[in-house]
């Protein structure tokens, strides 16, 4: 179940990375003991905006549960000062 979910993430990110509006893409997938996983990555879009994401996953029984997740979209026109 966890492998199928991780493959789905890889496929989805790969599809977006192949588009003209994504200029850079980074994805790290880690399988961890106890049927758990950690996914983190980022995308930089043509307009300079960025998407950062992470998920800590647990595949218990017949489902993948997100124990922790974070999705952050950064507008290129907003200063982080």
N, C-alpha and C. Protein backbone atom coordinates (compact mmCIF):
# COMPACT_ATOMS: atom_id res chain seq x y z
N UNK A 1 0.82 -1.20 0.00
CA UNK A 1 0.00 0.00 0.00
C UNK A 1 0.87 1.26 0.00
N UNK A 2 1.90 1.30 0.84
CA UNK A 2 2.79 2.46 0.90
C UNK A 2 3.54 2.64 -0.41
N UNK A 3 4.03 1.54 -0.98
CA UNK A 3 4.75 1.63 -2.26
C UNK A 3 3.88 2.21 -3.36
N UNK A 4 2.62 1.82 -3.41
CA UNK A 4 1.71 2.34 -4.43
C UNK A 4 1.49 3.84 -4.24
N UNK A 5 1.35 4.29 -2.99
CA UNK A 5 1.17 5.72 -2.72
C UNK A 5 2.41 6.51 -3.13
N UNK A 6 3.59 6.01 -2.77
CA UNK A 6 4.84 6.69 -3.13
C UNK A 6 5.04 6.73 -4.64
N UNK A 7 4.69 5.65 -5.33
CA UNK A 7 4.77 5.64 -6.79
C UNK A 7 3.82 6.67 -7.40
N UNK A 8 2.65 6.81 -6.81
CA UNK A 8 1.68 7.80 -7.30
C UNK A 8 2.24 9.23 -7.15
N UNK A 9 2.89 9.50 -6.02
CA UNK A 9 3.50 10.82 -5.82
C UNK A 9 4.60 11.05 -6.84
N UNK A 10 5.48 10.06 -7.04
CA UNK A 10 6.56 10.19 -8.03
C UNK A 10 6.00 10.48 -9.42
N UNK A 11 4.96 9.76 -9.80
CA UNK A 11 4.35 9.93 -11.12
C UNK A 11 3.75 11.32 -11.26
N UNK A 12 3.02 11.77 -10.26
CA UNK A 12 2.39 13.08 -10.30
C UNK A 12 3.42 14.20 -10.38
N UNK A 13 4.44 14.13 -9.55
CA UNK A 13 5.49 15.15 -9.58
C UNK A 13 6.22 15.12 -10.92
N UNK A 14 6.47 13.94 -11.45
CA UNK A 14 7.13 13.80 -12.75
C UNK A 14 6.33 14.44 -13.87
N UNK A 15 5.01 14.29 -13.82
CA UNK A 15 4.15 14.90 -14.84
C UNK A 15 4.22 16.42 -14.78
N UNK A 16 4.18 16.98 -13.56
CA UNK A 16 4.27 18.43 -13.43
C UNK A 16 5.66 18.94 -13.81
N UNK A 17 6.69 18.20 -13.47
CA UNK A 17 8.06 18.61 -13.79
C UNK A 17 8.29 18.68 -15.30
N UNK A 18 7.52 17.93 -16.06
CA UNK A 18 7.67 17.90 -17.52
C UNK A 18 6.93 19.03 -18.22
N UNK A 19 6.19 19.84 -17.47
CA UNK A 19 5.43 20.93 -18.08
C UNK A 19 6.33 22.15 -18.27
N UNK A 20 5.85 23.10 -19.05
CA UNK A 20 6.62 24.31 -19.31
C UNK A 20 6.50 25.33 -18.18
N UNK A 21 5.52 25.20 -17.29
CA UNK A 21 5.36 26.18 -16.22
C UNK A 21 6.10 25.80 -14.94
N UNK A 22 6.77 24.64 -14.90
CA UNK A 22 7.62 24.26 -13.78
C UNK A 22 9.07 24.32 -14.25
N UNK A 23 9.87 25.17 -13.62
CA UNK A 23 11.27 25.35 -14.06
C UNK A 23 12.25 24.53 -13.23
N UNK A 24 11.86 24.12 -12.03
CA UNK A 24 12.73 23.29 -11.21
C UNK A 24 11.86 22.45 -10.28
N UNK A 25 12.32 21.24 -10.02
CA UNK A 25 11.55 20.32 -9.19
C UNK A 25 12.51 19.46 -8.38
N UNK A 26 12.17 19.23 -7.13
CA UNK A 26 12.98 18.41 -6.26
C UNK A 26 12.05 17.49 -5.47
N UNK A 27 12.37 16.20 -5.40
CA UNK A 27 11.56 15.25 -4.66
C UNK A 27 12.48 14.25 -3.97
N UNK A 28 12.26 14.05 -2.68
CA UNK A 28 12.99 13.06 -1.90
C UNK A 28 11.96 12.15 -1.24
N UNK A 29 12.09 10.85 -1.48
CA UNK A 29 11.19 9.85 -0.92
C UNK A 29 12.02 8.90 -0.07
N UNK A 30 11.65 8.75 1.20
CA UNK A 30 12.36 7.85 2.10
C UNK A 30 11.38 6.83 2.67
N UNK A 31 11.72 5.57 2.51
CA UNK A 31 10.96 4.52 3.19
C UNK A 31 11.61 4.31 4.54
N UNK A 32 10.80 4.19 5.58
CA UNK A 32 11.31 4.05 6.95
C UNK A 32 10.78 2.76 7.57
N UNK A 33 11.43 2.30 8.62
CA UNK A 33 10.98 1.07 9.27
C UNK A 33 9.54 1.20 9.78
N UNK A 34 8.89 0.08 9.92
CA UNK A 34 7.53 0.07 10.43
C UNK A 34 6.50 0.45 9.40
N UNK A 35 6.82 0.26 8.12
CA UNK A 35 5.91 0.58 7.03
C UNK A 35 5.53 2.06 7.01
N UNK A 36 6.54 2.90 7.26
CA UNK A 36 6.35 4.34 7.24
C UNK A 36 7.20 4.96 6.14
N UNK A 37 6.89 6.20 5.81
CA UNK A 37 7.63 6.90 4.77
C UNK A 37 7.62 8.39 5.00
N UNK A 38 8.58 9.07 4.38
CA UNK A 38 8.67 10.52 4.44
C UNK A 38 8.91 11.04 3.04
N UNK A 39 8.12 12.02 2.64
CA UNK A 39 8.22 12.62 1.31
C UNK A 39 8.41 14.11 1.51
N UNK A 40 9.37 14.68 0.82
CA UNK A 40 9.56 16.12 0.86
C UNK A 40 10.00 16.60 -0.52
N UNK A 41 9.66 17.82 -0.84
CA UNK A 41 10.05 18.33 -2.14
C UNK A 41 9.64 19.77 -2.34
N UNK A 42 9.99 20.26 -3.52
CA UNK A 42 9.63 21.62 -3.88
C UNK A 42 9.53 21.75 -5.39
N UNK A 43 8.80 22.75 -5.80
CA UNK A 43 8.67 23.10 -7.21
C UNK A 43 8.84 24.60 -7.34
N UNK A 44 9.55 25.02 -8.37
CA UNK A 44 9.67 26.44 -8.69
C UNK A 44 8.95 26.63 -10.02
N UNK A 45 8.03 27.59 -10.03
CA UNK A 45 7.22 27.83 -11.21
C UNK A 45 7.80 28.96 -12.06
N UNK A 46 7.36 29.04 -13.28
CA UNK A 46 7.84 30.00 -14.25
C UNK A 46 7.77 31.44 -13.75
N UNK A 47 6.76 31.76 -12.96
CA UNK A 47 6.60 33.13 -12.45
C UNK A 47 7.46 33.40 -11.22
N UNK A 48 8.24 32.41 -10.78
CA UNK A 48 9.10 32.56 -9.61
C UNK A 48 8.47 32.11 -8.31
N UNK A 49 7.20 31.76 -8.33
CA UNK A 49 6.56 31.26 -7.12
C UNK A 49 7.07 29.85 -6.83
N UNK A 50 6.90 29.42 -5.57
CA UNK A 50 7.41 28.12 -5.15
C UNK A 50 6.37 27.37 -4.34
N UNK A 51 6.40 26.07 -4.45
CA UNK A 51 5.59 25.18 -3.63
C UNK A 51 6.53 24.25 -2.89
N UNK A 52 6.42 24.24 -1.55
CA UNK A 52 7.21 23.34 -0.71
C UNK A 52 6.22 22.40 -0.02
N UNK A 53 6.58 21.12 0.07
CA UNK A 53 5.66 20.16 0.66
C UNK A 53 6.42 19.06 1.38
N UNK A 54 5.77 18.46 2.38
CA UNK A 54 6.30 17.29 3.05
C UNK A 54 5.15 16.50 3.66
N UNK A 55 5.34 15.20 3.72
CA UNK A 55 4.35 14.30 4.31
C UNK A 55 5.08 13.20 5.07
N UNK A 56 4.65 12.93 6.29
CA UNK A 56 5.13 11.79 7.05
C UNK A 56 3.99 10.77 7.04
N UNK A 57 4.26 9.59 6.51
CA UNK A 57 3.21 8.62 6.21
C UNK A 57 3.34 7.35 7.04
N UNK A 58 2.20 6.75 7.33
CA UNK A 58 2.15 5.45 8.01
C UNK A 58 1.14 4.58 7.27
N UNK A 59 1.61 3.43 6.81
CA UNK A 59 0.72 2.51 6.09
C UNK A 59 0.29 1.41 7.05
N UNK A 60 -0.77 1.66 7.74
CA UNK A 60 -1.32 0.68 8.68
C UNK A 60 -2.58 0.08 8.07
N UNK A 61 -2.66 -1.25 8.14
CA UNK A 61 -3.81 -1.98 7.65
C UNK A 61 -3.97 -1.76 6.15
N UNK A 62 -5.10 -1.24 5.69
CA UNK A 62 -5.36 -1.09 4.26
C UNK A 62 -5.38 0.36 3.79
N UNK A 63 -4.72 1.24 4.53
CA UNK A 63 -4.74 2.66 4.17
C UNK A 63 -3.41 3.31 4.50
N UNK A 64 -3.11 4.38 3.79
CA UNK A 64 -1.95 5.20 4.09
C UNK A 64 -2.45 6.44 4.82
N UNK A 65 -1.94 6.64 6.02
CA UNK A 65 -2.36 7.77 6.85
C UNK A 65 -1.24 8.82 6.86
N UNK A 66 -1.62 10.08 6.71
CA UNK A 66 -0.67 11.18 6.83
C UNK A 66 -0.59 11.58 8.29
N UNK A 67 0.51 11.23 8.94
CA UNK A 67 0.68 11.57 10.35
C UNK A 67 1.04 13.04 10.52
N UNK A 68 1.74 13.59 9.54
CA UNK A 68 2.13 14.99 9.54
C UNK A 68 2.25 15.42 8.09
N UNK A 69 1.83 16.63 7.79
CA UNK A 69 1.98 17.13 6.43
C UNK A 69 2.13 18.64 6.45
N UNK A 70 2.76 19.15 5.43
CA UNK A 70 2.93 20.58 5.29
C UNK A 70 2.97 20.91 3.81
N UNK A 71 2.19 21.92 3.41
CA UNK A 71 2.18 22.43 2.04
C UNK A 71 2.29 23.94 2.14
N UNK A 72 3.27 24.50 1.48
CA UNK A 72 3.48 25.95 1.57
C UNK A 72 3.72 26.51 0.17
N UNK A 73 2.86 27.45 -0.23
CA UNK A 73 3.01 28.14 -1.51
C UNK A 73 3.56 29.53 -1.23
N UNK A 74 4.67 29.87 -1.90
CA UNK A 74 5.30 31.18 -1.71
C UNK A 74 5.13 32.02 -2.96
N UNK A 75 4.42 33.10 -2.84
CA UNK A 75 4.24 34.06 -3.93
C UNK A 75 5.56 34.75 -4.20
N UNK A 76 5.96 34.93 -5.46
CA UNK A 76 7.26 35.56 -5.74
C UNK A 76 7.31 37.03 -5.37
N UNK A 77 6.17 37.66 -5.18
CA UNK A 77 6.13 39.10 -4.90
C UNK A 77 6.07 39.41 -3.41
N UNK A 78 6.08 38.41 -2.57
CA UNK A 78 6.01 38.61 -1.13
C UNK A 78 7.40 38.45 -0.54
N UNK A 79 7.87 39.46 0.14
CA UNK A 79 9.19 39.42 0.77
C UNK A 79 9.13 38.58 2.02
N UNK A 80 10.16 37.80 2.29
CA UNK A 80 10.22 36.97 3.49
C UNK A 80 11.08 37.62 4.57
N UNK A 81 11.15 38.94 4.59
CA UNK A 81 11.97 39.65 5.59
C UNK A 81 11.25 39.81 6.88
